[in-house]
Protein backbone atom coordinates (compact mmCIF):
# COMPACT_ATOMS: atom_id res chain seq x y z
CA MET A 1 157.99 -3.03 -26.24
CA ARG A 2 157.92 -3.33 -22.46
CA THR A 3 155.60 -6.09 -21.27
CA LEU A 4 154.45 -6.94 -17.77
CA THR A 5 155.91 -9.84 -15.88
CA ASP A 6 153.69 -12.42 -14.21
CA ALA A 7 154.46 -10.89 -10.82
CA GLU A 8 153.62 -7.36 -12.01
CA SER A 9 150.32 -8.45 -13.53
CA ARG A 10 149.27 -10.27 -10.36
CA VAL A 11 150.30 -7.49 -8.00
CA ILE A 12 148.34 -4.96 -10.07
CA ALA A 13 145.24 -7.14 -9.63
CA VAL A 14 145.71 -7.13 -5.85
CA LEU A 15 146.21 -3.36 -5.75
CA LEU A 16 143.11 -2.68 -7.84
CA ALA A 17 141.01 -4.46 -5.22
CA ALA A 18 142.00 -1.77 -2.66
CA ARG A 19 141.45 -4.23 0.19
CA PRO A 20 144.42 -3.98 2.60
CA ASP A 21 142.60 -6.09 5.18
CA ARG A 22 142.95 -9.15 2.93
CA GLU A 23 146.35 -8.39 1.43
CA ARG A 24 148.11 -11.28 3.21
CA GLU A 25 145.57 -13.78 1.93
CA ARG A 26 145.88 -12.51 -1.64
CA LEU A 27 149.70 -12.49 -1.53
CA HIS A 28 149.64 -16.15 -0.56
CA GLN A 29 147.29 -16.89 -3.46
CA ILE A 30 149.37 -15.13 -6.13
CA GLY A 31 152.63 -16.61 -4.88
CA VAL A 32 154.63 -13.37 -4.91
CA PRO A 33 157.25 -12.67 -2.22
CA ARG A 34 156.47 -9.69 -0.04
CA SER A 35 159.62 -7.87 -1.17
CA THR A 36 158.59 -8.32 -4.82
CA TYR A 37 155.10 -7.12 -4.00
CA HIS A 38 156.36 -3.88 -2.46
CA ALA A 39 158.81 -3.26 -5.34
CA VAL A 40 156.08 -3.76 -7.95
CA ARG A 41 153.65 -1.67 -5.94
CA ARG A 42 155.98 1.30 -5.95
CA ARG A 43 156.83 0.84 -9.63
CA SER A 44 153.13 0.73 -10.57
CA TYR A 45 152.59 4.20 -9.14
CA ASP A 46 155.90 5.65 -10.30
CA GLU A 47 155.18 4.55 -13.87
CA GLY A 48 151.64 5.92 -13.75
CA TRP A 49 149.94 2.56 -14.22
CA LEU A 50 147.88 3.13 -11.06
CA ARG A 51 146.74 6.07 -8.96
CA ASP A 52 144.79 6.27 -5.74
CA ARG A 53 141.74 8.37 -5.02
CA TYR A 54 139.25 8.78 -2.19
CA VAL A 55 135.73 8.69 -3.58
CA PRO A 56 132.95 10.25 -1.49
CA HIS A 57 129.36 9.13 -1.17
CA PRO A 58 127.54 11.99 -2.94
CA VAL A 59 124.64 12.22 -0.48
CA PRO A 60 126.53 13.47 2.62
CA LEU A 61 127.99 16.24 0.47
CA GLY A 62 124.52 17.49 -0.42
CA ARG A 63 124.80 16.32 -4.05
CA PRO A 64 122.47 13.32 -4.15
CA TYR A 65 122.42 12.94 -7.96
CA VAL A 66 125.14 11.90 -10.39
CA SER A 67 125.20 12.69 -14.09
CA PHE A 68 127.11 10.68 -16.69
CA LEU A 69 127.54 12.50 -19.98
CA LEU A 70 128.94 10.94 -23.14
CA ALA A 71 129.54 13.60 -25.78
CA ARG A 72 130.88 13.64 -29.32
CA PRO A 73 132.26 17.14 -29.84
CA TYR A 74 132.61 18.76 -33.22
CA ALA A 75 136.28 19.08 -34.13
CA ASP A 76 136.10 22.88 -34.27
CA ARG A 77 134.23 23.16 -30.93
CA TYR A 78 136.22 20.58 -28.95
CA GLU A 79 138.04 23.00 -26.65
CA GLU A 80 134.89 24.99 -25.97
CA LEU A 81 132.90 21.90 -25.05
CA THR A 82 135.51 20.49 -22.67
CA ALA A 83 136.15 23.89 -21.09
CA ARG A 84 132.43 24.36 -20.42
CA ILE A 85 132.17 20.99 -18.68
CA ALA A 86 135.36 21.45 -16.67
CA ALA A 87 134.18 24.86 -15.45
CA ASP A 88 131.24 23.26 -13.63
CA PRO A 89 132.28 22.87 -9.95
CA GLY A 90 130.25 19.66 -9.77
CA ASN A 91 132.33 17.98 -12.46
CA VAL A 92 134.69 15.39 -10.96
CA VAL A 93 135.76 13.30 -13.97
CA LEU A 94 136.41 14.51 -17.49
CA TRP A 95 137.94 12.07 -19.97
CA ALA A 96 138.57 13.80 -23.28
CA GLY A 97 139.37 11.59 -26.25
CA THR A 98 139.88 12.58 -29.84
CA GLN A 99 136.25 11.79 -30.66
CA LEU A 100 134.54 11.06 -27.34
CA VAL A 101 134.20 12.91 -24.04
CA LEU A 102 133.05 11.26 -20.80
CA ALA A 103 132.03 13.54 -17.93
CA VAL A 104 130.84 12.66 -14.43
CA SER A 105 129.25 15.35 -12.28
CA PHE A 106 127.76 15.31 -8.78
CA LEU A 107 124.54 17.33 -8.71
CA ALA A 108 122.32 18.98 -6.15
CA LYS A 109 119.30 18.73 -8.49
CA PRO A 110 118.48 15.94 -10.97
CA GLY A 111 117.68 18.35 -13.80
CA ASP A 112 121.15 19.90 -13.95
CA GLY A 113 122.63 17.04 -16.00
CA PRO A 114 120.00 17.15 -18.77
CA LYS A 115 120.32 20.94 -18.87
CA LEU A 116 124.03 20.68 -19.70
CA ALA A 117 123.34 18.08 -22.37
CA LYS A 118 120.70 20.33 -23.92
CA ARG A 119 123.06 23.34 -23.93
CA ILE A 120 125.72 21.29 -25.73
CA ALA A 121 123.20 20.35 -28.42
CA ASP A 122 121.58 23.81 -28.64
CA ASP A 123 124.95 25.58 -28.94
CA HIS A 124 126.09 23.13 -31.63
CA LEU A 125 129.18 22.06 -29.68
CA GLY A 126 128.76 18.48 -30.79
CA ALA A 127 126.33 15.74 -31.72
CA PRO A 128 123.41 15.33 -29.30
CA PRO A 129 125.09 13.82 -26.22
CA ILE A 130 124.02 10.78 -24.26
CA GLU A 131 123.18 11.72 -20.67
CA VAL A 132 122.12 9.52 -17.76
CA THR A 133 121.33 11.01 -14.35
CA VAL A 134 120.70 8.72 -11.39
CA SER A 135 120.10 9.05 -7.68
CA ALA A 136 123.13 8.31 -5.53
CA ASP A 137 120.80 7.07 -2.80
CA GLY A 138 120.23 3.73 -4.51
CA PRO A 139 122.03 0.93 -6.36
CA TYR A 140 122.09 2.73 -9.69
CA VAL A 141 125.87 2.83 -10.23
CA PRO A 142 126.87 -0.76 -9.37
CA VAL A 143 130.30 -0.38 -11.01
CA TYR A 144 132.27 2.85 -10.82
CA PHE A 145 135.75 2.96 -12.36
CA ASP A 146 136.58 -0.49 -11.00
CA PHE A 147 139.14 -2.37 -13.10
CA GLU A 148 139.80 -5.28 -10.74
CA GLY A 149 137.50 -7.73 -12.54
CA LEU A 150 139.17 -7.21 -15.89
CA TRP A 151 142.70 -7.30 -14.53
CA GLY A 152 142.21 -10.29 -12.26
CA HIS A 153 140.91 -12.23 -15.25
CA LEU A 154 143.82 -11.07 -17.39
CA ALA A 155 146.25 -12.25 -14.70
CA GLY A 156 144.54 -15.63 -14.48
CA LEU A 157 143.42 -15.24 -10.85
CA GLU A 158 140.36 -16.99 -9.49
CA GLY A 159 137.60 -14.65 -8.43
CA THR A 160 137.97 -11.11 -7.14
CA LEU A 161 138.40 -9.49 -3.74
CA ALA A 162 136.13 -6.47 -4.04
CA TYR A 163 134.82 -6.15 -7.61
CA PRO A 164 132.48 -4.52 -8.28
CA HIS A 165 132.93 -1.26 -6.41
CA GLY A 166 129.96 1.00 -7.01
CA LEU A 167 129.12 4.62 -6.22
CA GLY A 168 126.67 5.78 -3.57
CA GLY A 169 124.31 3.21 -2.17
CA GLY A 170 121.03 2.56 -0.50
CA PRO A 171 119.35 4.83 2.02
CA THR A 172 120.63 4.96 5.56
CA SER A 173 118.93 5.81 8.83
CA ASP A 174 121.83 8.09 9.81
CA GLU A 175 120.56 11.62 9.28
CA GLU A 176 124.12 12.89 9.06
CA THR A 177 124.35 11.38 5.59
CA ARG A 178 121.63 13.68 4.30
CA GLY A 179 123.98 16.55 3.49
CA THR A 180 124.29 17.90 7.03
CA LEU A 181 127.85 17.00 7.97
CA SER A 182 129.29 18.81 10.94
CA SER A 183 132.23 21.13 10.37
CA HIS A 184 134.63 18.54 11.77
CA GLN A 185 133.18 15.79 9.58
CA THR A 186 133.44 18.05 6.55
CA TRP A 187 137.07 18.72 7.44
CA ALA A 188 137.81 14.99 7.75
CA VAL A 189 136.15 14.20 4.42
CA GLY A 190 137.98 17.09 2.77
CA GLU A 191 141.34 15.89 4.07
CA LEU A 192 140.72 12.50 2.50
CA LEU A 193 139.57 13.90 -0.83
CA ARG A 194 142.64 16.16 -1.02
CA ARG A 195 145.07 13.53 0.26
CA PRO A 196 146.25 12.20 -3.16
CA PHE A 197 147.13 15.69 -4.37
CA ALA A 198 148.63 16.92 -1.11
CA THR A 199 150.84 13.83 -1.03
CA THR A 200 152.13 14.62 -4.52
CA ASP A 201 152.76 18.26 -3.60
CA GLN A 202 154.82 17.05 -0.65
CA GLY A 203 157.00 14.98 -2.97
CA ARG A 204 155.85 11.62 -1.60
CA GLY A 205 155.23 8.62 -3.84
CA GLY A 206 151.75 7.75 -5.03
CA HIS A 207 152.02 4.36 -3.34
CA LEU A 208 151.80 6.16 0.02
CA VAL A 209 148.34 7.64 -0.57
CA GLY A 210 146.50 4.63 0.88
CA PRO A 211 144.68 4.51 4.22
CA PHE A 212 147.52 3.22 6.41
CA GLY A 213 148.24 5.57 9.30
CA LEU A 214 145.22 7.82 8.85
CA PRO A 215 143.92 9.81 11.84
CA PHE A 216 140.91 8.34 13.64
CA SER A 217 138.49 10.98 12.32
CA GLN A 218 139.39 10.10 8.72
CA ARG A 219 139.29 6.35 9.32
CA LYS A 220 135.82 6.89 10.75
CA MET A 221 134.66 8.39 7.43
CA LEU A 222 135.93 5.28 5.65
CA ALA A 223 134.30 2.95 8.17
CA ARG A 224 130.93 4.67 7.71
CA GLY A 225 131.16 4.40 3.94
CA TRP A 226 131.00 8.15 3.42
CA VAL A 227 134.34 7.90 1.62
CA THR A 228 136.00 4.87 0.00
CA HIS A 229 139.63 4.34 -0.92
CA ARG A 230 140.05 3.32 -4.55
CA THR A 231 142.92 2.35 -6.84
CA ILE A 232 142.35 3.27 -10.48
CA LEU A 233 144.04 1.87 -13.58
CA ASP A 234 145.35 4.03 -16.42
CA PRO A 235 144.84 1.72 -19.44
CA ALA A 236 146.82 4.07 -21.70
CA ARG A 237 149.99 3.64 -19.63
CA VAL A 238 150.00 0.07 -18.39
CA PRO A 239 152.06 -2.25 -20.64
CA PRO A 240 150.54 -5.35 -22.24
CA TYR A 241 150.69 -8.75 -20.57
CA LYS A 242 151.60 -11.82 -22.62
CA GLY A 243 150.93 -9.86 -25.79
CA LYS A 244 147.43 -8.90 -24.71
CA ALA A 245 146.44 -5.33 -23.93
CA ALA A 246 143.11 -3.91 -22.81
CA ASP A 247 143.87 -0.66 -24.61
CA GLN A 248 140.52 0.13 -26.19
CA VAL A 249 137.85 2.06 -24.26
CA VAL A 250 134.36 0.91 -25.23
CA PHE A 251 131.09 2.53 -24.20
CA VAL A 252 127.75 0.79 -24.67
CA THR A 253 124.39 2.43 -24.14
CA GLY A 254 120.82 1.41 -24.82
CA THR A 255 117.26 1.30 -23.56
CA PRO A 256 116.43 -1.64 -21.26
CA LYS A 257 113.88 -4.07 -22.62
CA ALA A 258 110.71 -4.74 -20.66
CA GLY A 259 111.53 -6.94 -17.69
CA ALA A 260 115.30 -6.63 -18.17
CA ARG A 261 117.33 -6.53 -14.97
CA ALA A 262 120.69 -4.83 -14.69
CA ASP A 263 122.05 -7.50 -12.35
CA GLY A 264 121.15 -10.13 -14.93
CA LEU A 265 123.10 -8.33 -17.65
CA PHE A 266 126.09 -7.85 -15.37
CA ALA A 267 126.12 -11.49 -14.30
CA THR A 268 125.86 -12.75 -17.88
CA LEU A 269 128.60 -10.46 -19.14
CA SER A 270 131.04 -11.26 -16.36
CA ARG A 271 130.37 -15.00 -16.00
CA GLU A 272 129.63 -16.10 -19.56
CA SER A 273 131.08 -13.41 -21.85
CA ARG A 274 134.12 -12.68 -19.63
CA VAL A 275 133.51 -8.96 -19.96
CA PHE A 276 134.06 -7.00 -16.76
CA PRO A 277 132.67 -3.45 -17.07
CA PHE A 278 134.62 -0.74 -15.26
CA LEU A 279 131.50 1.44 -15.36
CA PHE A 280 127.81 0.51 -15.19
CA VAL A 281 125.07 3.11 -14.80
CA VAL A 282 121.44 2.01 -14.49
CA GLY A 283 119.11 4.85 -15.45
CA SER A 284 115.35 4.53 -15.55
CA ASP A 285 115.22 4.62 -19.35
CA ARG A 286 118.87 4.20 -20.39
CA TRP A 287 121.81 2.13 -19.25
CA LEU A 288 125.46 3.02 -19.81
CA LEU A 289 128.41 0.64 -19.65
CA GLY A 290 132.12 1.25 -20.00
CA ALA A 291 134.58 -1.57 -20.64
CA LEU A 292 138.11 -2.17 -21.85
CA GLY A 293 138.90 -4.34 -24.83
CA GLY A 294 141.74 -5.15 -27.18
CA PRO A 295 142.59 -6.68 -30.54
CA ALA A 296 142.85 -10.12 -28.95
CA PRO A 297 140.51 -11.64 -26.35
CA VAL A 298 141.71 -10.87 -22.87
CA PRO A 299 140.74 -14.29 -21.39
CA VAL A 300 143.45 -16.91 -21.58
CA ASP A 301 141.74 -19.90 -19.94
CA GLY A 302 140.57 -21.45 -23.20
CA ALA A 303 136.94 -21.78 -22.09
CA PRO A 304 134.24 -20.81 -24.61
CA ARG A 305 132.80 -17.33 -24.23
CA ARG A 306 129.27 -16.22 -24.89
CA PRO A 307 129.29 -13.59 -27.67
CA VAL A 308 128.92 -10.10 -26.29
CA LEU A 309 126.56 -8.48 -28.81
CA PRO A 310 123.84 -11.17 -28.56
CA THR A 311 124.07 -10.83 -24.78
CA LEU A 312 123.51 -7.08 -25.01
CA ARG A 313 120.58 -7.63 -27.38
CA ASP A 314 118.89 -9.87 -24.81
CA PHE A 315 118.69 -6.94 -22.38
CA LEU A 316 118.87 -3.71 -24.41
CA GLU A 317 117.46 -2.15 -27.55
CA GLY A 318 118.56 0.87 -29.52
CA ILE A 319 122.13 -0.14 -28.71
CA GLU A 320 124.98 2.27 -29.46
CA ILE A 321 128.61 1.17 -29.21
CA LEU A 322 131.32 3.85 -29.16
CA GLN A 323 135.00 2.99 -29.06
CA GLU A 324 138.34 4.81 -28.99
CA PRO A 325 141.92 3.80 -28.15
CA ALA A 326 142.77 4.46 -24.52
CA GLU A 327 145.86 6.42 -25.52
CA GLY A 328 143.59 9.00 -27.13
CA PHE A 329 142.03 10.01 -23.81
CA ARG A 330 143.31 12.75 -21.51
CA ALA A 331 142.05 13.10 -17.95
CA LEU A 332 141.30 16.83 -17.89
CA VAL A 333 139.57 16.41 -14.53
CA ASP A 334 141.01 13.32 -12.89
CA HIS A 335 138.66 12.18 -10.11
CA ARG A 336 138.85 15.57 -8.40
CA TYR A 337 136.25 15.08 -5.70
CA ASP A 338 137.93 17.79 -3.66
CA ARG A 339 136.31 20.26 -6.05
CA LEU A 340 132.98 19.53 -4.35
CA LEU A 341 134.13 21.19 -1.11
CA GLU A 342 135.23 24.70 -0.28
CA PRO A 343 138.62 25.16 -1.97
CA ALA A 344 141.68 24.79 0.19
CA SER A 345 144.63 27.10 -0.15
CA GLY A 346 147.78 25.97 -1.88
CA PRO A 347 148.52 23.96 -5.03
CA ALA A 348 146.66 20.87 -3.90
CA ALA A 349 143.38 22.73 -4.42
CA LYS A 350 144.05 23.38 -8.10
CA ARG A 351 142.57 21.22 -10.82
């Protein structure tokens, strides 16, 4: 079986940070020649280990709420359930496993997410789903498909560059972020959101999707935080490193105990349990975490780890843990934020 080299593992960690402004500093730290870095970078995209996306702040797009739906479809209603979710123009992520389905949708109204969950249950498409809807105008999604923490730890690097990347953020005084973008700003945002797919349609490598060489109007959207450049890991495709693979997708959900703080749980998991969630959603009455695991502990530093389940019990009650191999998931809607805008002509606009 193909395994990652030390250089490949370390370069992947740098790429997942999506911080080109500190690339030189990180290259010095990992001790990889620049030529090796660029060769591994291209290979990572060509092999499908990584892919780039531009993730918008939901509020400027007039969709200030985000729904996270975790469903368990009945085997005979699987296709119907996934087709119904994918048909929603607000749906931007749809991971379909053999037993689990994760959907992320940007909403104009907070009640739209619970309505979909209720329809799934009422129409007997699956077991009653778990649904968490949060406002994108606050710190309620502190980690959003960010795999840098896990991979940096796997590669034995000290600290992280940008982990955790979240979604949305606190209120701003700029009225333009309240869903009233000008036509030119909407165009600039749309060009960024469609960039990964337009690049592929033009036959260019995925490693060229990043922000280098962008027009000023698009760089301005990044500078304002209305759009962020992200590099996303495909755990089903990336080979193991030193016999260790984070090839299990684990979802944890539960009700926060009185006085429990989400930042306290995150800090304890990452510092003491060496668990680095790639997804963390903080709802008012339910929290949802996504993490990657494997048959062997990912950490290799030999330091003792605080057990994960007792840590979860300190903060949550009514805990549910759902797990499935990463290879069982298909990305039916793969971070398609361009769906939130008026469709463009040509193949790049297709799902």
